[in-house]
Amino acid sequence: MPFKSNTIPANSNPAYQFNPRYHEYTYTLAPGDVLPINVDSDFVNCISADYDFKVSFNDGPESNFRRGMKYTPGQTVRRTTIRNSGTVSNSITLGLGLGDIVDARLSVPQELLSASIVPDTGKHDGKTIVSTGAAIRDYWLLAPANPNRREIMVENISSETFYLKFNVASADTGFALIAGERWISEYAGTLYGAHDFVGSKNLRVHEVGFNLLNIGGGI
C-alpha cells in the first residue's frame, strides 16, 4: 500500500484562499518546559518572547526561535512544539494561522524594549571654558565617563586651537583640535579639555546615549 502523508500542501488547503484563520497563543514556560501546540497552521509567527527559545514542527528537529521570526513551511503544520531552553521563566506569544495572512505590525528588538533610560547622557551646546592661569596646565572636565554613551562629538567653535585630554596626569597638552574642527568618537571614558592661551574658548559638546524616549537625537 503506498505511503500517504499526513501533511496537507498549504496551497491545496481550502482555508488557504477561502477561509483564513488566525489565533494568538501566549504561554509562560518554566526553564526546561516543553509544550506541544496541536493546531493546524500554514505559518508560525513569534509575536513576543522574553528570551530566545527552541521550536520544532511536526515533531521534527529543534531550531532556535525568537521574537519577530516567522516560519512558513509551504505545508500545513499539525503540531508546533516550543521548549524553554533558558534558565529563567519565558513568556512566549505565537501567532498561528491558515491562509495568506500578513502581520504588518512593527517588531521591536528585545534589547531595545529592555533598555534603561540614561539620565545624565545628553546634549550640551555652547560650553565655554575660561583660562586665567598657567596655560598648559589648565584643564577642564568636558564629559564624565559614561558606559552608556554611544557617541560624543566636540566641536571647536573658537578661533584658536584647543586640546582634548584623556588623562589629566599626563604631561602633554593633549589631542589638538584646531579652530572649526570637529572630533567624533565612541569613546565612553572621562574627557577633559585644555588650551595654551589665557582667555576663553568656546566648544560645542554633544553626547548621544541610549534613551528610547529620544531615538535619533541628542538626549
Protein backbone atom coordinates (compact mmCIF):
# COMPACT_ATOMS: atom_id res chain seq x y z
CA MET A 1 0.00 0.00 0.00
CA PRO A 2 1.55 3.36 -0.96
CA PHE A 3 2.51 5.73 1.85
CA LYS A 4 0.12 8.62 2.39
CA SER A 5 1.46 11.78 4.01
CA ASN A 6 -0.41 13.33 6.93
CA THR A 7 0.55 16.83 5.85
CA ILE A 8 -1.53 18.96 3.50
CA PRO A 9 0.15 21.29 0.99
CA ALA A 10 -0.76 24.83 2.01
CA ASN A 11 -1.96 25.80 -1.46
CA SER A 12 -4.29 22.75 -1.54
CA ASN A 13 -5.95 23.61 1.75
CA PRO A 14 -9.40 25.26 1.13
CA ALA A 15 -8.77 27.55 4.10
CA TYR A 16 -5.75 29.00 2.32
CA GLN A 17 -7.85 31.12 -0.04
CA PHE A 18 -11.43 30.94 1.16
CA ASN A 19 -11.41 30.58 4.94
CA PRO A 20 -8.30 32.10 6.52
CA ARG A 21 -7.90 31.70 10.26
CA TYR A 22 -5.56 33.29 12.73
CA HIS A 23 -5.12 32.93 16.50
CA GLU A 24 -2.55 34.05 19.04
CA TYR A 25 -1.44 31.89 21.96
CA THR A 26 0.52 33.03 25.00
CA TYR A 27 2.35 30.58 27.24
CA THR A 28 4.70 31.04 30.17
CA LEU A 29 7.23 28.24 30.33
CA ALA A 30 9.48 27.43 33.27
CA PRO A 31 13.11 26.51 32.47
CA GLY A 32 13.16 23.22 30.57
CA ASP A 33 9.40 23.13 29.95
CA VAL A 34 8.23 21.60 26.65
CA LEU A 35 4.81 22.42 25.23
CA PRO A 36 3.21 20.87 22.10
CA ILE A 37 0.62 23.07 20.38
CA ASN A 38 -1.71 20.87 18.33
CA VAL A 39 -3.11 23.48 15.97
CA ASP A 40 -3.16 23.30 12.17
CA SER A 41 -1.19 26.21 10.73
CA ASP A 42 0.43 27.29 7.48
CA PHE A 43 2.73 29.70 9.34
CA VAL A 44 4.04 30.32 12.85
CA ASN A 45 4.96 33.87 13.87
CA CYS A 46 6.64 34.79 17.17
CA ILE A 47 4.84 37.94 18.30
CA SER A 48 6.80 38.29 21.54
CA ALA A 49 9.19 36.36 23.76
CA ASP A 50 11.15 37.36 26.82
CA TYR A 51 14.11 35.30 25.61
CA ASP A 52 15.14 33.07 22.71
CA PHE A 53 13.68 29.56 22.77
CA LYS A 54 13.54 26.30 20.80
CA VAL A 55 10.82 25.30 18.35
CA SER A 56 10.06 22.21 16.26
CA PHE A 57 7.34 21.43 13.72
CA ASN A 58 5.54 18.10 13.22
CA ASP A 59 7.94 16.50 15.76
CA GLY A 60 10.94 17.41 13.58
CA PRO A 61 14.34 18.69 14.75
CA GLU A 62 14.52 21.74 17.00
CA SER A 63 15.51 25.17 15.78
CA ASN A 64 16.32 28.43 17.52
CA PHE A 65 13.44 30.91 17.51
CA ARG A 66 12.96 34.43 18.79
CA ARG A 67 10.71 37.49 18.71
CA GLY A 68 9.97 38.70 15.18
CA MET A 69 10.80 35.42 13.43
CA LYS A 70 8.26 33.67 11.19
CA TYR A 71 8.20 30.12 9.81
CA THR A 72 6.28 29.37 6.61
CA PRO A 73 6.90 25.73 5.63
CA GLY A 74 4.77 25.57 2.48
CA GLN A 75 2.53 22.93 4.00
CA THR A 76 0.12 22.73 6.92
CA VAL A 77 1.86 22.07 10.23
CA ARG A 78 -0.18 19.88 12.57
CA ARG A 79 1.94 20.37 15.69
CA THR A 80 4.26 23.17 16.85
CA THR A 81 6.37 22.36 19.91
CA ILE A 82 8.18 25.01 21.92
CA ARG A 83 10.81 24.46 24.61
CA ASN A 84 12.25 26.92 27.11
CA SER A 85 15.95 26.28 26.70
CA GLY A 86 16.91 29.07 29.12
CA THR A 87 17.43 29.18 32.87
CA VAL A 88 14.58 31.58 33.73
CA SER A 89 10.85 31.72 33.02
CA ASN A 90 9.96 32.74 29.46
CA SER A 91 6.64 34.23 28.31
CA ILE A 92 6.05 33.49 24.61
CA THR A 93 3.26 34.65 22.29
CA LEU A 94 2.86 32.87 18.95
CA GLY A 95 0.58 33.70 16.04
CA LEU A 96 -0.62 30.60 14.15
CA GLY A 97 -2.88 30.68 11.14
CA LEU A 98 -4.17 29.20 7.92
CA GLY A 99 -4.15 31.21 4.72
CA ASP A 100 -2.16 34.08 3.30
CA ILE A 101 -2.36 36.40 6.30
CA VAL A 102 0.37 39.02 6.65
CA ASP A 103 1.19 40.55 10.03
CA ALA A 104 2.36 44.12 9.36
CA ARG A 105 2.91 45.11 13.00
CA LEU A 106 6.29 46.51 13.97
CA SER A 107 8.55 44.05 15.77
CA VAL A 108 10.92 45.90 18.11
CA PRO A 109 14.13 44.09 19.13
CA GLN A 110 14.04 42.85 22.71
CA GLU A 111 17.26 44.69 23.62
CA LEU A 112 15.52 47.99 22.89
CA LEU A 113 12.48 47.04 24.93
CA SER A 114 14.64 46.22 27.94
CA ALA A 115 16.96 49.22 27.58
CA SER A 116 17.11 51.55 30.55
CA ILE A 117 16.86 55.31 30.24
CA VAL A 118 20.16 57.12 30.79
CA PRO A 119 19.53 60.28 32.84
CA ASP A 120 22.91 62.02 32.57
CA THR A 121 23.88 61.50 28.95
CA GLY A 122 22.63 64.40 26.93
CA LYS A 123 23.09 67.23 24.53
CA HIS A 124 25.15 70.18 25.77
CA ASP A 125 25.70 73.13 23.48
CA GLY A 126 27.68 76.35 23.86
CA LYS A 127 30.06 75.20 26.59
CA THR A 128 32.56 77.99 27.35
CA ILE A 129 35.89 77.34 29.09
CA VAL A 130 37.90 80.23 30.53
CA SER A 131 41.62 80.08 31.31
CA THR A 132 43.09 82.58 33.74
CA GLY A 133 46.31 80.86 34.81
CA ALA A 134 49.31 78.90 33.53
CA ALA A 135 48.07 77.80 30.15
CA ILE A 136 49.26 74.24 29.50
CA ARG A 137 48.44 73.04 32.99
CA ASP A 138 44.88 74.29 32.86
CA TYR A 139 42.27 71.63 32.14
CA TRP A 140 38.50 71.28 32.49
CA LEU A 141 36.08 68.40 32.62
CA LEU A 142 34.14 68.21 29.36
CA ALA A 143 32.26 64.95 29.98
CA PRO A 144 32.39 62.38 32.79
CA ALA A 145 32.85 58.68 32.00
CA ASN A 146 29.60 57.02 30.97
CA PRO A 147 29.45 53.35 29.81
CA ASN A 148 26.04 54.06 28.24
CA ARG A 149 27.44 56.71 25.92
CA ARG A 150 27.19 55.70 22.28
CA GLU A 151 28.95 58.69 20.77
CA ILE A 152 30.48 62.02 21.72
CA MET A 153 31.20 64.99 19.49
CA VAL A 154 33.35 68.01 20.40
CA GLU A 155 33.49 70.97 18.03
CA ASN A 156 35.92 73.86 18.45
CA ILE A 157 33.96 76.99 17.58
CA SER A 158 36.76 79.26 18.79
CA SER A 159 39.39 80.94 16.64
CA GLU A 160 42.31 79.19 18.37
CA THR A 161 43.47 75.60 18.87
CA PHE A 162 42.01 73.63 21.73
CA TYR A 163 43.20 70.30 23.18
CA LEU A 164 41.39 67.18 24.29
CA LYS A 165 42.89 65.21 27.16
CA PHE A 166 42.04 61.67 28.25
CA ASN A 167 44.30 61.65 31.31
CA VAL A 168 44.88 64.80 33.35
CA ALA A 169 48.02 63.29 34.88
CA SER A 170 49.82 63.24 31.53
CA ALA A 171 52.32 66.00 30.89
CA ASP A 172 51.27 66.75 27.32
CA THR A 173 48.61 69.21 26.38
CA GLY A 174 46.53 66.59 24.66
CA PHE A 175 44.99 65.97 21.28
CA ALA A 176 44.88 69.16 19.18
CA LEU A 177 41.54 70.37 17.88
CA ILE A 178 42.14 73.36 15.60
CA ALA A 179 39.65 76.17 15.07
CA GLY A 180 36.48 74.93 13.40
CA GLU A 181 37.48 71.27 13.68
CA ARG A 182 35.14 68.59 14.97
CA TRP A 183 36.06 65.35 16.81
CA ILE A 184 33.60 62.43 16.91
CA SER A 185 34.26 59.17 18.75
CA GLU A 186 32.61 56.22 20.51
CA TYR A 187 34.85 56.97 23.50
CA ALA A 188 32.96 56.37 26.76
CA GLY A 189 35.63 57.46 29.26
CA THR A 190 36.26 60.77 31.01
CA LEU A 191 37.13 63.61 28.64
CA TYR A 192 38.99 66.78 29.59
CA GLY A 193 39.85 69.94 27.70
CA ALA A 194 42.91 72.18 27.83
CA HIS A 195 44.42 75.12 25.93
CA ASP A 196 47.61 77.12 25.97
CA PHE A 197 46.23 80.66 25.78
CA VAL A 198 44.82 82.75 28.57
CA GLY A 199 41.22 83.63 27.77
CA SER A 200 38.05 81.87 26.82
CA LYS A 201 37.41 79.02 24.41
CA ASN A 202 34.01 78.12 23.04
CA LEU A 203 33.17 74.48 22.41
CA ARG A 204 30.13 72.51 21.38
CA VAL A 205 29.89 69.17 23.15
CA HIS A 206 27.23 66.70 22.03
CA GLU A 207 26.73 63.31 23.67
CA VAL A 208 24.45 60.60 22.34
CA GLY A 209 23.28 57.89 24.72
CA PHE A 210 20.71 55.11 24.62
CA ASN A 211 17.33 56.57 25.52
CA LEU A 212 14.15 55.15 23.98
CA LEU A 213 12.33 58.44 24.52
CA ASN A 214 14.70 60.32 22.20
CA ILE A 215 15.77 57.94 19.45
CA GLY A 216 17.60 59.69 16.64
CA GLY A 217 18.80 62.77 18.51
CA GLY A 218 20.85 64.02 21.41
CA ILE A 219 19.47 63.18 24.82
